[in-house]
């Protein structure tokens, strides 16, 4: 899942879309000394969480579609 998240952020950067990864995956990636806490809480990574600037928001749907993703409706 981490590889896919980094691929998405990299692809966004190539298209001048500022996209940042947030959420549980980031905690796992940046706070490895606390992985045991995530494991103890039985936290499962089920999705990827991103944030962007409002100025980039209109480009997100076409961007994710170009990567093969579709909206959850």
PDB file of N, CA and C in Angstrom:
ATOM      1  N   UNK A   1       0.824  -1.192   0.000  1.00  0.00           N
ATOM      2  CA  UNK A   1       0.000   0.000   0.000  1.00  0.00           C
ATOM      3  C   UNK A   1       0.871   1.259   0.000  1.00  0.00           C
ATOM      4  N   UNK A   2       1.982   1.231   0.715  1.00  0.00           N
ATOM      5  CA  UNK A   2       2.869   2.390   0.766  1.00  0.00           C
ATOM      6  C   UNK A   2       3.442   2.697  -0.612  1.00  0.00           C
ATOM      7  N   UNK A   3       3.791   1.653  -1.348  1.00  0.00           N
ATOM      8  CA  UNK A   3       4.332   1.869  -2.698  1.00  0.00           C
ATOM      9  C   UNK A   3       3.317   2.567  -3.598  1.00  0.00           C
ATOM     10  N   UNK A   4       2.065   2.159  -3.511  1.00  0.00           N
ATOM     11  CA  UNK A   4       1.014   2.779  -4.323  1.00  0.00           C
ATOM     12  C   UNK A   4       0.811   4.230  -3.908  1.00  0.00           C
ATOM     13  N   UNK A   5       0.823   4.495  -2.625  1.00  0.00           N
ATOM     14  CA  UNK A   5       0.653   5.866  -2.136  1.00  0.00           C
ATOM     15  C   UNK A   5       1.766   6.763  -2.659  1.00  0.00           C
ATOM     16  N   UNK A   6       2.994   6.290  -2.615  1.00  0.00           N
ATOM     17  CA  UNK A   6       4.123   7.076  -3.100  1.00  0.00           C
ATOM     18  C   UNK A   6       4.074   7.250  -4.614  1.00  0.00           C
ATOM     19  N   UNK A   7       3.580   6.244  -5.319  1.00  0.00           N
ATOM     20  CA  UNK A   7       3.413   6.347  -6.775  1.00  0.00           C
ATOM     21  C   UNK A   7       2.406   7.448  -7.108  1.00  0.00           C
ATOM     22  N   UNK A   8       1.311   7.502  -6.366  1.00  0.00           N
ATOM     23  CA  UNK A   8       0.274   8.501  -6.599  1.00  0.00           C
ATOM     24  C   UNK A   8       0.814   9.907  -6.329  1.00  0.00           C
ATOM     25  N   UNK A   9       1.508  10.084  -5.215  1.00  0.00           N
ATOM     26  CA  UNK A   9       2.061  11.400  -4.877  1.00  0.00           C
ATOM     27  C   UNK A   9       3.075  11.830  -5.934  1.00  0.00           C
ATOM     28  N   UNK A  10       3.889  10.902  -6.390  1.00  0.00           N
ATOM     29  CA  UNK A  10       4.876  11.210  -7.420  1.00  0.00           C
ATOM     30  C   UNK A  10       4.204  11.598  -8.736  1.00  0.00           C
ATOM     31  N   UNK A  11       3.168  10.863  -9.129  1.00  0.00           N
ATOM     32  CA  UNK A  11       2.436  11.177 -10.358  1.00  0.00           C
ATOM     33  C   UNK A  11       1.767  12.544 -10.246  1.00  0.00           C
ATOM     34  N   UNK A  12       1.255  12.875  -9.084  1.00  0.00           N
ATOM     35  CA  UNK A  12       0.640  14.188  -8.878  1.00  0.00           C
ATOM     36  C   UNK A  12       1.687  15.281  -9.038  1.00  0.00           C
ATOM     37  N   UNK A  13       2.838  15.058  -8.466  1.00  0.00           N
ATOM     38  CA  UNK A  13       3.919  16.041  -8.569  1.00  0.00           C
ATOM     39  C   UNK A  13       4.297  16.281 -10.026  1.00  0.00           C
ATOM     40  N   UNK A  14       4.329  15.228 -10.823  1.00  0.00           N
ATOM     41  CA  UNK A  14       4.652  15.364 -12.245  1.00  0.00           C
ATOM     42  C   UNK A  14       3.641  16.235 -12.979  1.00  0.00           C
ATOM     43  N   UNK A  15       2.406  16.286 -12.462  1.00  0.00           N
ATOM     44  CA  UNK A  15       1.351  17.096 -13.088  1.00  0.00           C
ATOM     45  C   UNK A  15       1.128  18.415 -12.343  1.00  0.00           C
ATOM     46  N   UNK A  16       2.089  18.781 -11.511  1.00  0.00           N
ATOM     47  CA  UNK A  16       2.015  20.023 -10.729  1.00  0.00           C
ATOM     48  C   UNK A  16       0.778  20.090  -9.837  1.00  0.00           C
ATOM     49  N   UNK A  17       0.393  18.938  -9.303  1.00  0.00           N
ATOM     50  CA  UNK A  17      -0.689  18.860  -8.328  1.00  0.00           C
ATOM     51  C   UNK A  17      -0.035  18.602  -6.975  1.00  0.00           C
ATOM     52  N   UNK A  18      -0.287  19.485  -6.030  1.00  0.00           N
ATOM     53  CA  UNK A  18       0.262  19.290  -4.691  1.00  0.00           C
ATOM     54  C   UNK A  18      -0.655  18.332  -3.946  1.00  0.00           C
ATOM     55  N   UNK A  19      -0.144  17.164  -3.653  1.00  0.00           N
ATOM     56  CA  UNK A  19      -0.920  16.120  -2.998  1.00  0.00           C
ATOM     57  C   UNK A  19      -0.064  15.550  -1.878  1.00  0.00           C
ATOM     58  N   UNK A  20      -0.598  15.554  -0.677  1.00  0.00           N
ATOM     59  CA  UNK A  20       0.130  15.045   0.479  1.00  0.00           C
ATOM     60  C   UNK A  20      -0.612  13.859   1.067  1.00  0.00           C
ATOM     61  N   UNK A  21       0.140  12.890   1.483  1.00  0.00           N
ATOM     62  CA  UNK A  21      -0.399  11.707   2.129  1.00  0.00           C
ATOM     63  C   UNK A  21      -0.566  11.995   3.611  1.00  0.00           C
ATOM     64  N   UNK A  22      -1.718  11.617   4.172  1.00  0.00           N
ATOM     65  CA  UNK A  22      -1.983  11.785   5.601  1.00  0.00           C
ATOM     66  C   UNK A  22      -2.571  10.480   6.128  1.00  0.00           C
ATOM     67  N   UNK A  23      -2.772  10.384   7.406  1.00  0.00           N
ATOM     68  CA  UNK A  23      -3.465   9.243   7.982  1.00  0.00           C
ATOM     69  C   UNK A  23      -2.551   8.169   8.539  1.00  0.00           C
ATOM     70  N   UNK A  24      -3.150   7.011   8.781  1.00  0.00           N
ATOM     71  CA  UNK A  24      -2.471   5.911   9.459  1.00  0.00           C
ATOM     72  C   UNK A  24      -1.235   5.415   8.716  1.00  0.00           C
ATOM     73  N   UNK A  25      -1.287   5.394   7.399  1.00  0.00           N
ATOM     74  CA  UNK A  25      -0.127   4.925   6.641  1.00  0.00           C
ATOM     75  C   UNK A  25       1.087   5.816   6.900  1.00  0.00           C
ATOM     76  N   UNK A  26       0.867   7.123   6.962  1.00  0.00           N
ATOM     77  CA  UNK A  26       1.972   8.049   7.215  1.00  0.00           C
ATOM     78  C   UNK A  26       2.558   7.808   8.607  1.00  0.00           C
ATOM     79  N   UNK A  27       1.700   7.573   9.563  1.00  0.00           N
ATOM     80  CA  UNK A  27       2.186   7.275  10.911  1.00  0.00           C
ATOM     81  C   UNK A  27       3.071   6.035  10.872  1.00  0.00           C
ATOM     82  N   UNK A  28       2.618   5.015  10.173  1.00  0.00           N
ATOM     83  CA  UNK A  28       3.418   3.786  10.071  1.00  0.00           C
ATOM     84  C   UNK A  28       4.745   4.034   9.353  1.00  0.00           C
ATOM     85  N   UNK A  29       4.727   4.887   8.330  1.00  0.00           N
ATOM     86  CA  UNK A  29       5.936   5.150   7.551  1.00  0.00           C
ATOM     87  C   UNK A  29       6.957   6.001   8.315  1.00  0.00           C
ATOM     88  N   UNK A  30       6.469   6.967   9.096  1.00  0.00           N
ATOM     89  CA  UNK A  30       7.364   7.928   9.730  1.00  0.00           C
ATOM     90  C   UNK A  30       7.641   7.663  11.204  1.00  0.00           C
ATOM     91  N   UNK A  31       6.885   6.798  11.827  1.00  0.00           N
ATOM     92  CA  UNK A  31       7.054   6.539  13.263  1.00  0.00           C
ATOM     93  C   UNK A  31       7.228   5.040  13.489  1.00  0.00           C
ATOM     94  N   UNK A  32       8.225   4.478  12.844  1.00  0.00           N
ATOM     95  CA  UNK A  32       8.414   3.024  12.892  1.00  0.00           C
ATOM     96  C   UNK A  32       8.653   2.497  14.302  1.00  0.00           C
ATOM     97  N   UNK A  33       9.166   3.359  15.180  1.00  0.00           N
ATOM     98  CA  UNK A  33       9.399   2.904  16.550  1.00  0.00           C
ATOM     99  C   UNK A  33       8.099   2.660  17.317  1.00  0.00           C
ATOM    100  N   UNK A  34       6.976   3.126  16.750  1.00  0.00           N
ATOM    101  CA  UNK A  34       5.688   2.935  17.397  1.00  0.00           C
ATOM    102  C   UNK A  34       4.773   1.965  16.645  1.00  0.00           C
ATOM    103  N   UNK A  35       5.335   1.192  15.741  1.00  0.00           N
ATOM    104  CA  UNK A  35       4.527   0.224  14.995  1.00  0.00           C
ATOM    105  C   UNK A  35       3.826  -0.753  15.930  1.00  0.00           C
ATOM    106  N   UNK A  36       4.461  -1.063  17.034  1.00  0.00           N
ATOM    107  CA  UNK A  36       3.856  -2.002  17.982  1.00  0.00           C
ATOM    108  C   UNK A  36       2.512  -1.481  18.507  1.00  0.00           C
ATOM    109  N   UNK A  37       2.355  -0.167  18.601  1.00  0.00           N
ATOM    110  CA  UNK A  37       1.077   0.392  19.053  1.00  0.00           C
ATOM    111  C   UNK A  37      -0.008   0.180  18.009  1.00  0.00           C
ATOM    112  N   UNK A  38       0.319   0.418  16.753  1.00  0.00           N
ATOM    113  CA  UNK A  38      -0.647   0.159  15.683  1.00  0.00           C
ATOM    114  C   UNK A  38      -1.025  -1.320  15.676  1.00  0.00           C
ATOM    115  N   UNK A  39      -0.025  -2.167  15.829  1.00  0.00           N
ATOM    116  CA  UNK A  39      -0.290  -3.606  15.845  1.00  0.00           C
ATOM    117  C   UNK A  39      -1.175  -3.986  17.026  1.00  0.00           C
ATOM    118  N   UNK A  40      -0.909  -3.407  18.193  1.00  0.00           N
ATOM    119  CA  UNK A  40      -1.703  -3.712  19.390  1.00  0.00           C
ATOM    120  C   UNK A  40      -3.150  -3.253  19.231  1.00  0.00           C
ATOM    121  N   UNK A  41      -3.349  -2.160  18.505  1.00  0.00           N
ATOM    122  CA  UNK A  41      -4.709  -1.652  18.279  1.00  0.00           C
ATOM    123  C   UNK A  41      -5.394  -2.389  17.131  1.00  0.00           C
ATOM    124  N   UNK A  42      -4.644  -3.302  16.507  1.00  0.00           N
ATOM    125  CA  UNK A  42      -5.166  -4.062  15.364  1.00  0.00           C
ATOM    126  C   UNK A  42      -5.666  -3.131  14.260  1.00  0.00           C
ATOM    127  N   UNK A  43      -4.879  -2.074  14.007  1.00  0.00           N
ATOM    128  CA  UNK A  43      -5.216  -1.123  12.949  1.00  0.00           C
ATOM    129  C   UNK A  43      -4.924  -1.746  11.599  1.00  0.00           C
ATOM    130  N   UNK A  44      -5.934  -1.827  10.765  1.00  0.00           N
ATOM    131  CA  UNK A  44      -5.759  -2.323   9.407  1.00  0.00           C
ATOM    132  C   UNK A  44      -5.747  -1.133   8.452  1.00  0.00           C
ATOM    133  N   UNK A  45      -4.825  -1.182   7.519  1.00  0.00           N
ATOM    134  CA  UNK A  45      -4.778  -0.134   6.499  1.00  0.00           C
ATOM    135  C   UNK A  45      -5.737  -0.530   5.386  1.00  0.00           C
ATOM    136  N   UNK A  46      -6.810   0.226   5.254  1.00  0.00           N
ATOM    137  CA  UNK A  46      -7.844  -0.117   4.271  1.00  0.00           C
ATOM    138  C   UNK A  46      -7.988   0.912   3.166  1.00  0.00           C
ATOM    139  N   UNK A  47      -7.359   2.088   3.354  1.00  0.00           N
ATOM    140  CA  UNK A  47      -7.478   3.126   2.341  1.00  0.00           C
ATOM    141  C   UNK A  47      -6.280   4.055   2.411  1.00  0.00           C
ATOM    142  N   UNK A  48      -6.211   4.948   1.453  1.00  0.00           N
ATOM    143  CA  UNK A  48      -5.173   5.964   1.417  1.00  0.00           C
ATOM    144  C   UNK A  48      -5.840   7.315   1.609  1.00  0.00           C
ATOM    145  N   UNK A  49      -5.253   8.145   2.445  1.00  0.00           N
ATOM    146  CA  UNK A  49      -5.805   9.462   2.738  1.00  0.00           C
ATOM    147  C   UNK A  49      -4.857  10.536   2.214  1.00  0.00           C
ATOM    148  N   UNK A  50      -5.422  11.474   1.462  1.00  0.00           N
ATOM    149  CA  UNK A  50      -4.638  12.551   0.869  1.00  0.00           C
ATOM    150  C   UNK A  50      -5.264  13.888   1.219  1.00  0.00           C
ATOM    151  N   UNK A  51      -4.447  14.921   1.105  1.00  0.00           N
ATOM    152  CA  UNK A  51      -4.912  16.296   1.260  1.00  0.00           C
ATOM    153  C   UNK A  51      -4.236  17.130   0.177  1.00  0.00           C
ATOM    154  N   UNK A  52      -4.921  18.184  -0.262  1.00  0.00           N
ATOM    155  CA  UNK A  52      -4.363  19.083  -1.271  1.00  0.00           C
ATOM    156  C   UNK A  52      -4.842  20.493  -0.995  1.00  0.00           C
ATOM    157  N   UNK A  53      -4.344  21.429  -1.777  1.00  0.00           N
ATOM    158  CA  UNK A  53      -4.812  22.809  -1.707  1.00  0.00           C
ATOM    159  C   UNK A  53      -6.079  22.953  -2.532  1.00  0.00           C
ATOM    160  N   UNK A  54      -6.908  23.894  -2.144  1.00  0.00           N
ATOM    161  CA  UNK A  54      -8.145  24.167  -2.883  1.00  0.00           C
ATOM    162  C   UNK A  54      -7.859  24.451  -4.358  1.00  0.00           C
ATOM    163  N   UNK A  55      -6.750  25.101  -4.632  1.00  0.00           N
ATOM    164  CA  UNK A  55      -6.388  25.446  -6.014  1.00  0.00           C
ATOM    165  C   UNK A  55      -6.161  24.209  -6.879  1.00  0.00           C
ATOM    166  N   UNK A  56      -5.857  23.088  -6.279  1.00  0.00           N
ATOM    167  CA  UNK A  56      -5.616  21.848  -7.031  1.00  0.00           C
ATOM    168  C   UNK A  56      -6.854  20.951  -7.078  1.00  0.00           C
ATOM    169  N   UNK A  57      -7.870  21.282  -6.323  1.00  0.00           N
ATOM    170  CA  UNK A  57      -9.016  20.386  -6.135  1.00  0.00           C
ATOM    171  C   UNK A  57      -9.722  20.013  -7.435  1.00  0.00           C
ATOM    172  N   UNK A  58      -9.881  20.971  -8.353  1.00  0.00           N
ATOM    173  CA  UNK A  58     -10.599  20.688  -9.602  1.00  0.00           C
ATOM    174  C   UNK A  58      -9.876  19.677 -10.485  1.00  0.00           C
ATOM    175  N   UNK A  59      -8.595  19.510 -10.273  1.00  0.00           N
ATOM    176  CA  UNK A  59      -7.817  18.591 -11.103  1.00  0.00           C
ATOM    177  C   UNK A  59      -7.727  17.184 -10.518  1.00  0.00           C
ATOM    178  N   UNK A  60      -8.239  16.996  -9.293  1.00  0.00           N
ATOM    179  CA  UNK A  60      -8.080  15.696  -8.641  1.00  0.00           C
ATOM    180  C   UNK A  60      -8.876  14.570  -9.297  1.00  0.00           C
ATOM    181  N   UNK A  61     -10.138  14.794  -9.611  1.00  0.00           N
ATOM    182  CA  UNK A  61     -10.951  13.724 -10.208  1.00  0.00           C
ATOM    183  C   UNK A  61     -10.346  13.236 -11.527  1.00  0.00           C
ATOM    184  N   UNK A  62      -9.992  14.141 -12.458  1.00  0.00           N
ATOM    185  CA  UNK A  62      -9.364  13.656 -13.690  1.00  0.00           C
ATOM    186  C   UNK A  62      -8.006  12.991 -13.436  1.00  0.00           C
ATOM    187  N   UNK A  63      -7.272  13.507 -12.464  1.00  0.00           N
ATOM    188  CA  UNK A  63      -5.976  12.918 -12.140  1.00  0.00           C
ATOM    189  C   UNK A  63      -6.138  11.473 -11.667  1.00  0.00           C
ATOM    190  N   UNK A  64      -7.022  11.259 -10.689  1.00  0.00           N
ATOM    191  CA  UNK A  64      -7.213   9.895 -10.178  1.00  0.00           C
ATOM    192  C   UNK A  64      -7.806   8.981 -11.253  1.00  0.00           C
ATOM    193  N   UNK A  65      -8.667   9.513 -12.096  1.00  0.00           N
ATOM    194  CA  UNK A  65      -9.215   8.710 -13.203  1.00  0.00           C
ATOM    195  C   UNK A  65      -8.104   8.280 -14.140  1.00  0.00           C
ATOM    196  N   UNK A  66      -7.130   9.156 -14.378  1.00  0.00           N
ATOM    197  CA  UNK A  66      -6.016   8.790 -15.271  1.00  0.00           C
ATOM    198  C   UNK A  66      -5.159   7.681 -14.694  1.00  0.00           C
ATOM    199  N   UNK A  67      -5.242   7.489 -13.381  1.00  0.00           N
ATOM    200  CA  UNK A  67      -4.498   6.409 -12.723  1.00  0.00           C
ATOM    201  C   UNK A  67      -5.337   5.133 -12.584  1.00  0.00           C
ATOM    202  N   UNK A  68      -6.593   5.192 -13.063  1.00  0.00           N
ATOM    203  CA  UNK A  68      -7.452   4.020 -13.014  1.00  0.00           C
ATOM    204  C   UNK A  68      -8.386   3.964 -11.822  1.00  0.00           C
ATOM    205  N   UNK A  69      -8.466   5.038 -11.053  1.00  0.00           N
ATOM    206  CA  UNK A  69      -9.347   5.067  -9.899  1.00  0.00           C
ATOM    207  C   UNK A  69     -10.697   5.664 -10.280  1.00  0.00           C
ATOM    208  N   UNK A  70     -11.740   5.263  -9.581  1.00  0.00           N
ATOM    209  CA  UNK A  70     -13.065   5.825  -9.796  1.00  0.00           C
ATOM    210  C   UNK A  70     -13.625   6.276  -8.456  1.00  0.00           C
ATOM    211  N   UNK A  71     -14.498   7.282  -8.470  1.00  0.00           N
ATOM    212  CA  UNK A  71     -15.040   7.799  -7.201  1.00  0.00           C
ATOM    213  C   UNK A  71     -15.946   6.781  -6.532  1.00  0.00           C
ATOM    214  N   UNK A  72     -15.980   6.858  -5.212  1.00  0.00           N
ATOM    215  CA  UNK A  72     -16.883   6.051  -4.399  1.00  0.00           C
ATOM    216  C   UNK A  72     -18.217   6.785  -4.361  1.00  0.00           C
ATOM    217  N   UNK A  73     -19.210   6.251  -5.016  1.00  0.00           N
ATOM    218  CA  UNK A  73     -20.507   6.952  -5.053  1.00  0.00           C
ATOM    219  C   UNK A  73     -21.590   6.109  -4.448  1.00  0.00           C
TER     220      UNK A  73
END
